[in-house]
Amino acid sequence: MKKLTKTQLAQELGISRVMLYKCIHKGCPTDSVEAAKQWRRNNLDIMQTKEWRIDRNPGVKRVRPDYSYEELTEMVKAGYDELAAKVAKG
Protein backbone atom coordinates (compact mmCIF):
# COMPACT_ATOMS: atom_id res chain seq x y z
CA MET A 1 0.00 0.00 0.00
CA LYS A 2 1.28 3.45 -0.93
CA LYS A 3 2.19 5.66 2.03
CA LEU A 4 0.01 8.74 2.40
CA THR A 5 1.50 12.21 2.50
CA LYS A 6 0.74 14.36 5.55
CA THR A 7 -1.61 16.46 3.41
CA GLN A 8 -3.51 13.38 2.23
CA LEU A 9 -3.70 12.00 5.78
CA ALA A 10 -5.04 15.32 7.08
CA GLN A 11 -7.68 15.36 4.33
CA GLU A 12 -8.71 11.80 5.14
CA LEU A 13 -9.06 12.73 8.82
CA GLY A 14 -10.95 15.92 7.99
CA ILE A 15 -8.46 18.19 9.74
CA SER A 16 -5.91 20.78 8.69
CA ARG A 17 -2.26 19.94 8.19
CA VAL A 18 -1.43 22.17 11.15
CA MET A 19 -3.76 20.13 13.37
CA LEU A 20 -2.24 16.92 12.04
CA TYR A 21 1.27 18.11 12.90
CA LYS A 22 0.07 18.99 16.42
CA CYS A 23 -1.31 15.46 16.77
CA ILE A 24 1.90 13.93 15.40
CA HIS A 25 3.89 15.92 17.96
CA LYS A 26 1.69 14.35 20.65
CA GLY A 27 2.30 10.86 19.26
CA CYS A 28 -0.27 10.26 16.53
CA PRO A 29 0.79 7.51 14.11
CA THR A 30 1.00 8.35 10.41
CA ASP A 31 1.29 4.86 8.96
CA SER A 32 -2.46 4.51 8.29
CA VAL A 33 -5.68 6.45 8.42
CA GLU A 34 -7.29 3.89 10.72
CA ALA A 35 -4.38 4.05 13.19
CA ALA A 36 -4.56 7.85 13.21
CA LYS A 37 -8.35 7.79 13.73
CA GLN A 38 -7.99 5.33 16.60
CA TRP A 39 -5.26 7.47 18.20
CA ARG A 40 -7.48 10.58 17.90
CA ARG A 41 -10.41 8.74 19.52
CA ASN A 42 -8.21 7.63 22.40
CA ASN A 43 -6.16 10.80 22.94
CA LEU A 44 -8.11 13.91 22.02
CA ASP A 45 -10.60 15.72 24.21
CA ILE A 46 -13.81 15.32 22.20
CA MET A 47 -15.09 18.61 23.61
CA GLN A 48 -12.32 20.41 21.75
CA THR A 49 -13.31 19.19 18.29
CA LYS A 50 -15.50 20.74 15.58
CA GLU A 51 -18.11 18.02 15.96
CA TRP A 52 -18.84 19.10 19.52
CA ARG A 53 -19.21 22.84 18.98
CA ILE A 54 -22.59 23.95 20.27
CA ASP A 55 -23.60 25.65 17.05
CA ARG A 56 -21.88 23.12 14.78
CA ASN A 57 -19.79 26.01 13.46
CA PRO A 58 -17.14 24.52 11.16
CA GLY A 59 -14.77 27.36 11.96
CA VAL A 60 -13.68 30.34 9.97
CA LYS A 61 -11.75 29.96 6.78
CA ARG A 62 -9.60 33.03 6.61
CA VAL A 63 -9.11 34.63 3.23
CA ARG A 64 -6.84 37.44 2.27
CA PRO A 65 -8.82 40.55 1.30
CA ASP A 66 -8.55 41.98 -2.19
CA TYR A 67 -7.75 45.37 -0.69
CA SER A 68 -4.73 46.65 1.19
CA TYR A 69 -4.96 47.69 4.81
CA GLU A 70 -4.83 51.33 3.77
CA GLU A 71 -7.65 50.89 1.24
CA LEU A 72 -9.82 49.12 3.82
CA THR A 73 -9.13 51.86 6.36
CA GLU A 74 -10.25 54.49 3.86
CA MET A 75 -13.43 52.53 3.10
CA VAL A 76 -14.30 52.28 6.78
CA LYS A 77 -13.58 55.97 7.33
CA ALA A 78 -15.72 56.94 4.32
CA GLY A 79 -18.57 54.80 5.63
CA TYR A 80 -18.24 56.33 9.10
CA ASP A 81 -18.22 59.88 7.68
CA GLU A 82 -21.35 59.09 5.65
CA LEU A 83 -23.11 57.64 8.70
CA ALA A 84 -22.09 60.62 10.89
CA ALA A 85 -23.51 63.02 8.29
CA LYS A 86 -26.84 61.13 8.26
CA VAL A 87 -27.03 61.20 12.05
CA ALA A 88 -26.23 64.93 12.14
CA LYS A 89 -29.08 65.63 9.70
CA GLY A 90 -31.42 63.79 12.02
PDB file of N, CA and C in Angstrom:
ATOM      1  N   MET A   1       0.836  -1.176   0.000  1.00  0.00           N
ATOM      2  CA  MET A   1       0.000   0.000   0.000  1.00  0.00           C
ATOM      3  C   MET A   1       0.882   1.242   0.000  1.00  0.00           C
ATOM      4  N   LYS A   2       0.515   2.222  -0.811  1.00  0.00           N
ATOM      5  CA  LYS A   2       1.284   3.454  -0.927  1.00  0.00           C
ATOM      6  C   LYS A   2       1.120   4.298   0.330  1.00  0.00           C
ATOM      7  N   LYS A   3       2.231   4.828   0.835  1.00  0.00           N
ATOM      8  CA  LYS A   3       2.192   5.660   2.030  1.00  0.00           C
ATOM      9  C   LYS A   3       1.570   7.016   1.704  1.00  0.00           C
ATOM     10  N   LEU A   4       0.664   7.450   2.572  1.00  0.00           N
ATOM     11  CA  LEU A   4       0.005   8.742   2.396  1.00  0.00           C
ATOM     12  C   LEU A   4       0.928   9.892   2.774  1.00  0.00           C
ATOM     13  N   THR A   5       0.776  11.002   2.080  1.00  0.00           N
ATOM     14  CA  THR A   5       1.499  12.211   2.498  1.00  0.00           C
ATOM     15  C   THR A   5       0.753  12.782   3.698  1.00  0.00           C
ATOM     16  N   LYS A   6       1.389  13.708   4.399  1.00  0.00           N
ATOM     17  CA  LYS A   6       0.744  14.355   5.551  1.00  0.00           C
ATOM     18  C   LYS A   6      -0.513  15.103   5.093  1.00  0.00           C
ATOM     19  N   THR A   7      -0.457  15.738   3.936  1.00  0.00           N
ATOM     20  CA  THR A   7      -1.611  16.461   3.413  1.00  0.00           C
ATOM     21  C   THR A   7      -2.761  15.499   3.145  1.00  0.00           C
ATOM     22  N   GLN A   8      -2.471  14.368   2.521  1.00  0.00           N
ATOM     23  CA  GLN A   8      -3.512  13.379   2.235  1.00  0.00           C
ATOM     24  C   GLN A   8      -4.098  12.812   3.524  1.00  0.00           C
ATOM     25  N   LEU A   9      -3.235  12.536   4.502  1.00  0.00           N
ATOM     26  CA  LEU A   9      -3.704  12.003   5.779  1.00  0.00           C
ATOM     27  C   LEU A   9      -4.607  13.022   6.472  1.00  0.00           C
ATOM     28  N   ALA A  10      -4.215  14.282   6.466  1.00  0.00           N
ATOM     29  CA  ALA A  10      -5.037  15.325   7.076  1.00  0.00           C
ATOM     30  C   ALA A  10      -6.392  15.400   6.386  1.00  0.00           C
ATOM     31  N   GLN A  11      -6.412  15.328   5.062  1.00  0.00           N
ATOM     32  CA  GLN A  11      -7.679  15.359   4.330  1.00  0.00           C
ATOM     33  C   GLN A  11      -8.553  14.162   4.688  1.00  0.00           C
ATOM     34  N   GLU A  12      -7.956  13.002   4.785  1.00  0.00           N
ATOM     35  CA  GLU A  12      -8.709  11.795   5.143  1.00  0.00           C
ATOM     36  C   GLU A  12      -9.302  11.908   6.546  1.00  0.00           C
ATOM     37  N   LEU A  13      -8.582  12.568   7.447  1.00  0.00           N
ATOM     38  CA  LEU A  13      -9.057  12.734   8.818  1.00  0.00           C
ATOM     39  C   LEU A  13     -10.028  13.906   8.959  1.00  0.00           C
ATOM     40  N   GLY A  14     -10.070  14.759   7.935  1.00  0.00           N
ATOM     41  CA  GLY A  14     -10.952  15.919   7.987  1.00  0.00           C
ATOM     42  C   GLY A  14     -10.420  17.045   8.858  1.00  0.00           C
ATOM     43  N   ILE A  15      -9.086  17.139   8.939  1.00  0.00           N
ATOM     44  CA  ILE A  15      -8.460  18.186   9.743  1.00  0.00           C
ATOM     45  C   ILE A  15      -7.428  18.918   8.889  1.00  0.00           C
ATOM     46  N   SER A  16      -6.938  20.025   9.409  1.00  0.00           N
ATOM     47  CA  SER A  16      -5.907  20.776   8.693  1.00  0.00           C
ATOM     48  C   SER A  16      -4.551  20.100   8.877  1.00  0.00           C
ATOM     49  N   ARG A  17      -3.618  20.465   8.024  1.00  0.00           N
ATOM     50  CA  ARG A  17      -2.257  19.936   8.187  1.00  0.00           C
ATOM     51  C   ARG A  17      -1.659  20.401   9.495  1.00  0.00           C
ATOM     52  N   VAL A  18      -1.962  21.640   9.884  1.00  0.00           N
ATOM     53  CA  VAL A  18      -1.430  22.170  11.149  1.00  0.00           C
ATOM     54  C   VAL A  18      -1.915  21.311  12.312  1.00  0.00           C
ATOM     55  N   MET A  19      -3.212  20.978  12.306  1.00  0.00           N
ATOM     56  CA  MET A  19      -3.756  20.133  13.369  1.00  0.00           C
ATOM     57  C   MET A  19      -3.119  18.750  13.338  1.00  0.00           C
ATOM     58  N   LEU A  20      -2.892  18.226  12.147  1.00  0.00           N
ATOM     59  CA  LEU A  20      -2.238  16.921  12.038  1.00  0.00           C
ATOM     60  C   LEU A  20      -0.841  16.966  12.650  1.00  0.00           C
ATOM     61  N   TYR A  21      -0.079  18.010  12.342  1.00  0.00           N
ATOM     62  CA  TYR A  21       1.266  18.113  12.904  1.00  0.00           C
ATOM     63  C   TYR A  21       1.236  18.238  14.422  1.00  0.00           C
ATOM     64  N   LYS A  22       0.211  18.907  14.966  1.00  0.00           N
ATOM     65  CA  LYS A  22       0.074  18.990  16.424  1.00  0.00           C
ATOM     66  C   LYS A  22      -0.179  17.598  17.001  1.00  0.00           C
ATOM     67  N   CYS A  23      -1.029  16.826  16.310  1.00  0.00           N
ATOM     68  CA  CYS A  23      -1.313  15.461  16.765  1.00  0.00           C
ATOM     69  C   CYS A  23      -0.065  14.581  16.669  1.00  0.00           C
ATOM     70  N   ILE A  24       0.672  14.713  15.579  1.00  0.00           N
ATOM     71  CA  ILE A  24       1.902  13.926  15.402  1.00  0.00           C
ATOM     72  C   ILE A  24       2.879  14.240  16.524  1.00  0.00           C
ATOM     73  N   HIS A  25       2.994  15.502  16.878  1.00  0.00           N
ATOM     74  CA  HIS A  25       3.893  15.923  17.960  1.00  0.00           C
ATOM     75  C   HIS A  25       3.492  15.257  19.278  1.00  0.00           C
ATOM     76  N   LYS A  26       2.186  14.993  19.436  1.00  0.00           N
ATOM     77  CA  LYS A  26       1.687  14.353  20.655  1.00  0.00           C
ATOM     78  C   LYS A  26       1.744  12.831  20.578  1.00  0.00           C
ATOM     79  N   GLY A  27       2.129  12.300  19.384  1.00  0.00           N
ATOM     80  CA  GLY A  27       2.296  10.857  19.263  1.00  0.00           C
ATOM     81  C   GLY A  27       1.389  10.150  18.278  1.00  0.00           C
ATOM     82  N   CYS A  28       0.641  10.876  17.493  1.00  0.00           N
ATOM     83  CA  CYS A  28      -0.269  10.265  16.528  1.00  0.00           C
ATOM     84  C   CYS A  28       0.512   9.506  15.447  1.00  0.00           C
ATOM     85  N   PRO A  29       0.120   8.260  15.178  1.00  0.00           N
ATOM     86  CA  PRO A  29       0.791   7.513  14.109  1.00  0.00           C
ATOM     87  C   PRO A  29       0.388   8.044  12.733  1.00  0.00           C
ATOM     88  N   THR A  30       1.280   7.893  11.772  1.00  0.00           N
ATOM     89  CA  THR A  30       1.001   8.353  10.411  1.00  0.00           C
ATOM     90  C   THR A  30       1.064   7.223   9.398  1.00  0.00           C
ATOM     91  N   ASP A  31       1.141   5.984   9.879  1.00  0.00           N
ATOM     92  CA  ASP A  31       1.286   4.862   8.960  1.00  0.00           C
ATOM     93  C   ASP A  31      -0.029   4.458   8.294  1.00  0.00           C
ATOM     94  N   SER A  32      -1.176   4.810   8.923  1.00  0.00           N
ATOM     95  CA  SER A  32      -2.457   4.505   8.287  1.00  0.00           C
ATOM     96  C   SER A  32      -3.534   5.448   8.813  1.00  0.00           C
ATOM     97  N   VAL A  33      -4.570   5.594   8.032  1.00  0.00           N
ATOM     98  CA  VAL A  33      -5.685   6.450   8.420  1.00  0.00           C
ATOM     99  C   VAL A  33      -6.389   5.851   9.631  1.00  0.00           C
ATOM    100  N   GLU A  34      -6.598   4.542   9.610  1.00  0.00           N
ATOM    101  CA  GLU A  34      -7.295   3.889  10.721  1.00  0.00           C
ATOM    102  C   GLU A  34      -6.516   4.039  12.035  1.00  0.00           C
ATOM    103  N   ALA A  35      -5.196   3.896  11.976  1.00  0.00           N
ATOM    104  CA  ALA A  35      -4.382   4.054  13.191  1.00  0.00           C
ATOM    105  C   ALA A  35      -4.471   5.487  13.711  1.00  0.00           C
ATOM    106  N   ALA A  36      -4.459   6.444  12.812  1.00  0.00           N
ATOM    107  CA  ALA A  36      -4.561   7.850  13.210  1.00  0.00           C
ATOM    108  C   ALA A  36      -5.937   8.136  13.809  1.00  0.00           C
ATOM    109  N   LYS A  37      -6.997   7.592  13.196  1.00  0.00           N
ATOM    110  CA  LYS A  37      -8.346   7.789  13.727  1.00  0.00           C
ATOM    111  C   LYS A  37      -8.470   7.186  15.122  1.00  0.00           C
ATOM    112  N   GLN A  38      -7.930   5.996  15.291  1.00  0.00           N
ATOM    113  CA  GLN A  38      -7.989   5.334  16.598  1.00  0.00           C
ATOM    114  C   GLN A  38      -7.224   6.151  17.634  1.00  0.00           C
ATOM    115  N   TRP A  39      -6.052   6.654  17.275  1.00  0.00           N
ATOM    116  CA  TRP A  39      -5.260   7.475  18.195  1.00  0.00           C
ATOM    117  C   TRP A  39      -6.046   8.720  18.596  1.00  0.00           C
ATOM    118  N   ARG A  40      -6.692   9.365  17.616  1.00  0.00           N
ATOM    119  CA  ARG A  40      -7.476  10.575  17.901  1.00  0.00           C
ATOM    120  C   ARG A  40      -8.645  10.265  18.841  1.00  0.00           C
ATOM    121  N   ARG A  41      -9.305   9.118  18.624  1.00  0.00           N
ATOM    122  CA  ARG A  41     -10.408   8.738  19.521  1.00  0.00           C
ATOM    123  C   ARG A  41      -9.915   8.530  20.949  1.00  0.00           C
ATOM    124  N   ASN A  42      -8.736   7.961  21.076  1.00  0.00           N
ATOM    125  CA  ASN A  42      -8.207   7.633  22.397  1.00  0.00           C
ATOM    126  C   ASN A  42      -7.514   8.797  23.095  1.00  0.00           C
ATOM    127  N   ASN A  43      -7.022   9.776  22.336  1.00  0.00           N
ATOM    128  CA  ASN A  43      -6.159  10.795  22.940  1.00  0.00           C
ATOM    129  C   ASN A  43      -6.666  12.229  22.912  1.00  0.00           C
ATOM    130  N   LEU A  44      -7.648  12.533  22.092  1.00  0.00           N
ATOM    131  CA  LEU A  44      -8.111  13.911  22.018  1.00  0.00           C
ATOM    132  C   LEU A  44      -9.337  14.133  22.889  1.00  0.00           C
ATOM    133  N   ASP A  45      -9.428  15.320  23.447  1.00  0.00           N
ATOM    134  CA  ASP A  45     -10.602  15.720  24.211  1.00  0.00           C
ATOM    135  C   ASP A  45     -11.707  16.021  23.209  1.00  0.00           C
ATOM    136  N   ILE A  46     -12.739  15.199  23.184  1.00  0.00           N
ATOM    137  CA  ILE A  46     -13.805  15.320  22.198  1.00  0.00           C
ATOM    138  C   ILE A  46     -14.486  16.683  22.274  1.00  0.00           C
ATOM    139  N   MET A  47     -14.463  17.297  23.442  1.00  0.00           N
ATOM    140  CA  MET A  47     -15.095  18.608  23.614  1.00  0.00           C
ATOM    141  C   MET A  47     -14.331  19.708  22.885  1.00  0.00           C
ATOM    142  N   GLN A  48     -13.137  19.423  22.440  1.00  0.00           N
ATOM    143  CA  GLN A  48     -12.317  20.410  21.747  1.00  0.00           C
ATOM    144  C   GLN A  48     -12.292  20.181  20.243  1.00  0.00           C
ATOM    145  N   THR A  49     -13.264  19.467  19.718  1.00  0.00           N
ATOM    146  CA  THR A  49     -13.310  19.191  18.288  1.00  0.00           C
ATOM    147  C   THR A  49     -14.482  19.906  17.632  1.00  0.00           C
ATOM    148  N   LYS A  50     -14.440  20.060  16.321  1.00  0.00           N
ATOM    149  CA  LYS A  50     -15.498  20.739  15.581  1.00  0.00           C
ATOM    150  C   LYS A  50     -16.849  20.068  15.784  1.00  0.00           C
ATOM    151  N   GLU A  51     -16.860  18.747  15.864  1.00  0.00           N
ATOM    152  CA  GLU A  51     -18.110  18.016  15.960  1.00  0.00           C
ATOM    153  C   GLU A  51     -18.886  18.365  17.228  1.00  0.00           C
ATOM    154  N   TRP A  52     -18.190  18.834  18.247  1.00  0.00           N
ATOM    155  CA  TRP A  52     -18.845  19.097  19.522  1.00  0.00           C
ATOM    156  C   TRP A  52     -19.083  20.576  19.774  1.00  0.00           C
ATOM    157  N   ARG A  53     -18.864  21.432  18.798  1.00  0.00           N
ATOM    158  CA  ARG A  53     -19.209  22.841  18.982  1.00  0.00           C
ATOM    159  C   ARG A  53     -20.717  22.959  19.110  1.00  0.00           C
ATOM    160  N   ILE A  54     -21.167  23.810  19.997  1.00  0.00           N
ATOM    161  CA  ILE A  54     -22.594  23.950  20.274  1.00  0.00           C
ATOM    162  C   ILE A  54     -23.372  24.281  19.012  1.00  0.00           C
ATOM    163  N   ASP A  55     -22.858  25.217  18.231  1.00  0.00           N
ATOM    164  CA  ASP A  55     -23.601  25.653  17.046  1.00  0.00           C
ATOM    165  C   ASP A  55     -23.182  24.921  15.777  1.00  0.00           C
ATOM    166  N   ARG A  56     -22.366  23.890  15.923  1.00  0.00           N
ATOM    167  CA  ARG A  56     -21.881  23.122  14.777  1.00  0.00           C
ATOM    168  C   ARG A  56     -21.109  23.988  13.786  1.00  0.00           C
ATOM    169  N   ASN A  57     -20.572  25.085  14.289  1.00  0.00           N
ATOM    170  CA  ASN A  57     -19.791  26.005  13.464  1.00  0.00           C
ATOM    171  C   ASN A  57     -18.539  25.295  12.975  1.00  0.00           C
ATOM    172  N   PRO A  58     -18.319  25.216  11.672  1.00  0.00           N
ATOM    173  CA  PRO A  58     -17.141  24.520  11.156  1.00  0.00           C
ATOM    174  C   PRO A  58     -15.857  25.329  11.289  1.00  0.00           C
ATOM    175  N   GLY A  59     -15.954  26.520  11.844  1.00  0.00           N
ATOM    176  CA  GLY A  59     -14.771  27.363  11.962  1.00  0.00           C
ATOM    177  C   GLY A  59     -14.726  28.379  10.835  1.00  0.00           C
ATOM    178  N   VAL A  60     -13.791  29.261  10.939  1.00  0.00           N
ATOM    179  CA  VAL A  60     -13.681  30.344   9.973  1.00  0.00           C
ATOM    180  C   VAL A  60     -12.524  30.063   9.029  1.00  0.00           C
ATOM    181  N   LYS A  61     -12.808  30.094   7.768  1.00  0.00           N
ATOM    182  CA  LYS A  61     -11.748  29.965   6.780  1.00  0.00           C
ATOM    183  C   LYS A  61     -11.293  31.376   6.449  1.00  0.00           C
ATOM    184  N   ARG A  62     -10.101  31.681   6.819  1.00  0.00           N
ATOM    185  CA  ARG A  62      -9.596  33.031   6.615  1.00  0.00           C
ATOM    186  C   ARG A  62      -9.125  33.201   5.171  1.00  0.00           C
ATOM    187  N   VAL A  63      -9.526  34.314   4.592  1.00  0.00           N
ATOM    188  CA  VAL A  63      -9.106  34.632   3.234  1.00  0.00           C
ATOM    189  C   VAL A  63      -8.441  35.995   3.241  1.00  0.00           C
ATOM    190  N   ARG A  64      -7.527  36.165   2.385  1.00  0.00           N
ATOM    191  CA  ARG A  64      -6.837  37.439   2.268  1.00  0.00           C
ATOM    192  C   ARG A  64      -7.725  38.401   1.488  1.00  0.00           C
ATOM    193  N   PRO A  65      -7.963  39.605   2.020  1.00  0.00           N
ATOM    194  CA  PRO A  65      -8.820  40.546   1.299  1.00  0.00           C
ATOM    195  C   PRO A  65      -8.172  41.021   0.006  1.00  0.00           C
ATOM    196  N   ASP A  66      -9.030  41.471  -0.909  1.00  0.00           N
ATOM    197  CA  ASP A  66      -8.550  41.977  -2.194  1.00  0.00           C
ATOM    198  C   ASP A  66      -8.032  43.399  -2.086  1.00  0.00           C
ATOM    199  N   TYR A  67      -8.168  43.989  -0.895  1.00  0.00           N
ATOM    200  CA  TYR A  67      -7.746  45.371  -0.694  1.00  0.00           C
ATOM    201  C   TYR A  67      -6.614  45.430   0.329  1.00  0.00           C
ATOM    202  N   SER A  68      -5.803  46.465   0.219  1.00  0.00           N
ATOM    203  CA  SER A  68      -4.727  46.653   1.191  1.00  0.00           C
ATOM    204  C   SER A  68      -5.315  47.195   2.489  1.00  0.00           C
ATOM    205  N   TYR A  69      -4.533  47.160   3.528  1.00  0.00           N
ATOM    206  CA  TYR A  69      -4.960  47.694   4.811  1.00  0.00           C
ATOM    207  C   TYR A  69      -5.359  49.162   4.679  1.00  0.00           C
ATOM    208  N   GLU A  70      -4.563  49.911   3.941  1.00  0.00           N
ATOM    209  CA  GLU A  70      -4.829  51.332   3.768  1.00  0.00           C
ATOM    210  C   GLU A  70      -6.154  51.557   3.034  1.00  0.00           C
ATOM    211  N   GLU A  71      -6.400  50.756   1.992  1.00  0.00           N
ATOM    212  CA  GLU A  71      -7.652  50.888   1.243  1.00  0.00           C
ATOM    213  C   GLU A  71      -8.860  50.555   2.123  1.00  0.00           C
ATOM    214  N   LEU A  72      -8.730  49.501   2.924  1.00  0.00           N
ATOM    215  CA  LEU A  72      -9.818  49.123   3.818  1.00  0.00           C
ATOM    216  C   LEU A  72     -10.060  50.202   4.866  1.00  0.00           C
ATOM    217  N   THR A  73      -8.997  50.791   5.385  1.00  0.00           N
ATOM    218  CA  THR A  73      -9.131  51.864   6.364  1.00  0.00           C
ATOM    219  C   THR A  73      -9.882  53.046   5.764  1.00  0.00           C
ATOM    220  N   GLU A  74      -9.560  53.387   4.532  1.00  0.00           N
ATOM    221  CA  GLU A  74     -10.249  54.494   3.861  1.00  0.00           C
ATOM    222  C   GLU A  74     -11.721  54.171   3.647  1.00  0.00           C
ATOM    223  N   MET A  75     -12.034  52.926   3.296  1.00  0.00           N
ATOM    224  CA  MET A  75     -13.430  52.532   3.098  1.00  0.00           C
ATOM    225  C   MET A  75     -14.222  52.651   4.402  1.00  0.00           C
ATOM    226  N   VAL A  76     -13.629  52.196   5.480  1.00  0.00           N
ATOM    227  CA  VAL A  76     -14.300  52.275   6.781  1.00  0.00           C
ATOM    228  C   VAL A  76     -14.509  53.730   7.167  1.00  0.00           C
ATOM    229  N   LYS A  77     -13.482  54.554   6.998  1.00  0.00           N
ATOM    230  CA  LYS A  77     -13.578  55.968   7.333  1.00  0.00           C
ATOM    231  C   LYS A  77     -14.663  56.647   6.494  1.00  0.00           C
ATOM    232  N   ALA A  78     -14.709  56.348   5.192  1.00  0.00           N
ATOM    233  CA  ALA A  78     -15.718  56.939   4.320  1.00  0.00           C
ATOM    234  C   ALA A  78     -17.118  56.529   4.775  1.00  0.00           C
ATOM    235  N   GLY A  79     -17.281  55.274   5.141  1.00  0.00           N
ATOM    236  CA  GLY A  79     -18.574  54.799   5.632  1.00  0.00           C
ATOM    237  C   GLY A  79     -18.953  55.468   6.935  1.00  0.00           C
ATOM    238  N   TYR A  80     -17.991  55.668   7.822  1.00  0.00           N
ATOM    239  CA  TYR A  80     -18.239  56.331   9.096  1.00  0.00           C
ATOM    240  C   TYR A  80     -18.633  57.788   8.866  1.00  0.00           C
ATOM    241  N   ASP A  81     -17.914  58.475   7.978  1.00  0.00           N
ATOM    242  CA  ASP A  81     -18.220  59.878   7.684  1.00  0.00           C
ATOM    243  C   ASP A  81     -19.634  60.006   7.120  1.00  0.00           C
ATOM    244  N   GLU A  82     -20.014  59.070   6.247  1.00  0.00           N
ATOM    245  CA  GLU A  82     -21.353  59.088   5.652  1.00  0.00           C
ATOM    246  C   GLU A  82     -22.413  58.874   6.731  1.00  0.00           C
ATOM    247  N   LEU A  83     -22.177  57.926   7.626  1.00  0.00           N
ATOM    248  CA  LEU A  83     -23.115  57.641   8.704  1.00  0.00           C
ATOM    249  C   LEU A  83     -23.217  58.846   9.652  1.00  0.00           C
ATOM    250  N   ALA A  84     -22.090  59.449   9.990  1.00  0.00           N
ATOM    251  CA  ALA A  84     -22.090  60.616  10.889  1.00  0.00           C
ATOM    252  C   ALA A  84     -22.875  61.768  10.274  1.00  0.00           C
ATOM    253  N   ALA A  85     -22.760  61.962   8.966  1.00  0.00           N
ATOM    254  CA  ALA A  85     -23.506  63.020   8.288  1.00  0.00           C
ATOM    255  C   ALA A  85     -25.020  62.754   8.356  1.00  0.00           C
ATOM    256  N   LYS A  86     -25.417  61.483   8.176  1.00  0.00           N
ATOM    257  CA  LYS A  86     -26.836  61.133   8.256  1.00  0.00           C
ATOM    258  C   LYS A  86     -27.386  61.360   9.658  1.00  0.00           C
ATOM    259  N   VAL A  87     -26.606  61.017  10.654  1.00  0.00           N
ATOM    260  CA  VAL A  87     -27.032  61.196  12.053  1.00  0.00           C
ATOM    261  C   VAL A  87     -27.141  62.684  12.367  1.00  0.00           C
ATOM    262  N   ALA A  88     -26.212  63.483  11.882  1.00  0.00           N
ATOM    263  CA  ALA A  88     -26.227  64.929  12.139  1.00  0.00           C
ATOM    264  C   ALA A  88     -27.460  65.593  11.517  1.00  0.00           C
ATOM    265  N   LYS A  89     -27.889  65.079  10.370  1.00  0.00           N
ATOM    266  CA  LYS A  89     -29.084  65.633   9.705  1.00  0.00           C
ATOM    267  C   LYS A  89     -30.359  65.279  10.482  1.00  0.00           C
ATOM    268  N   GLY A  90     -30.283  64.193  11.203  1.00  0.00           N
ATOM    269  CA  GLY A  90     -31.421  63.789  12.020  1.00  0.00           C
ATOM    270  C   GLY A  90     -32.376  62.977  11.304  1.00  0.00           C
TER     271      GLY A  90
END
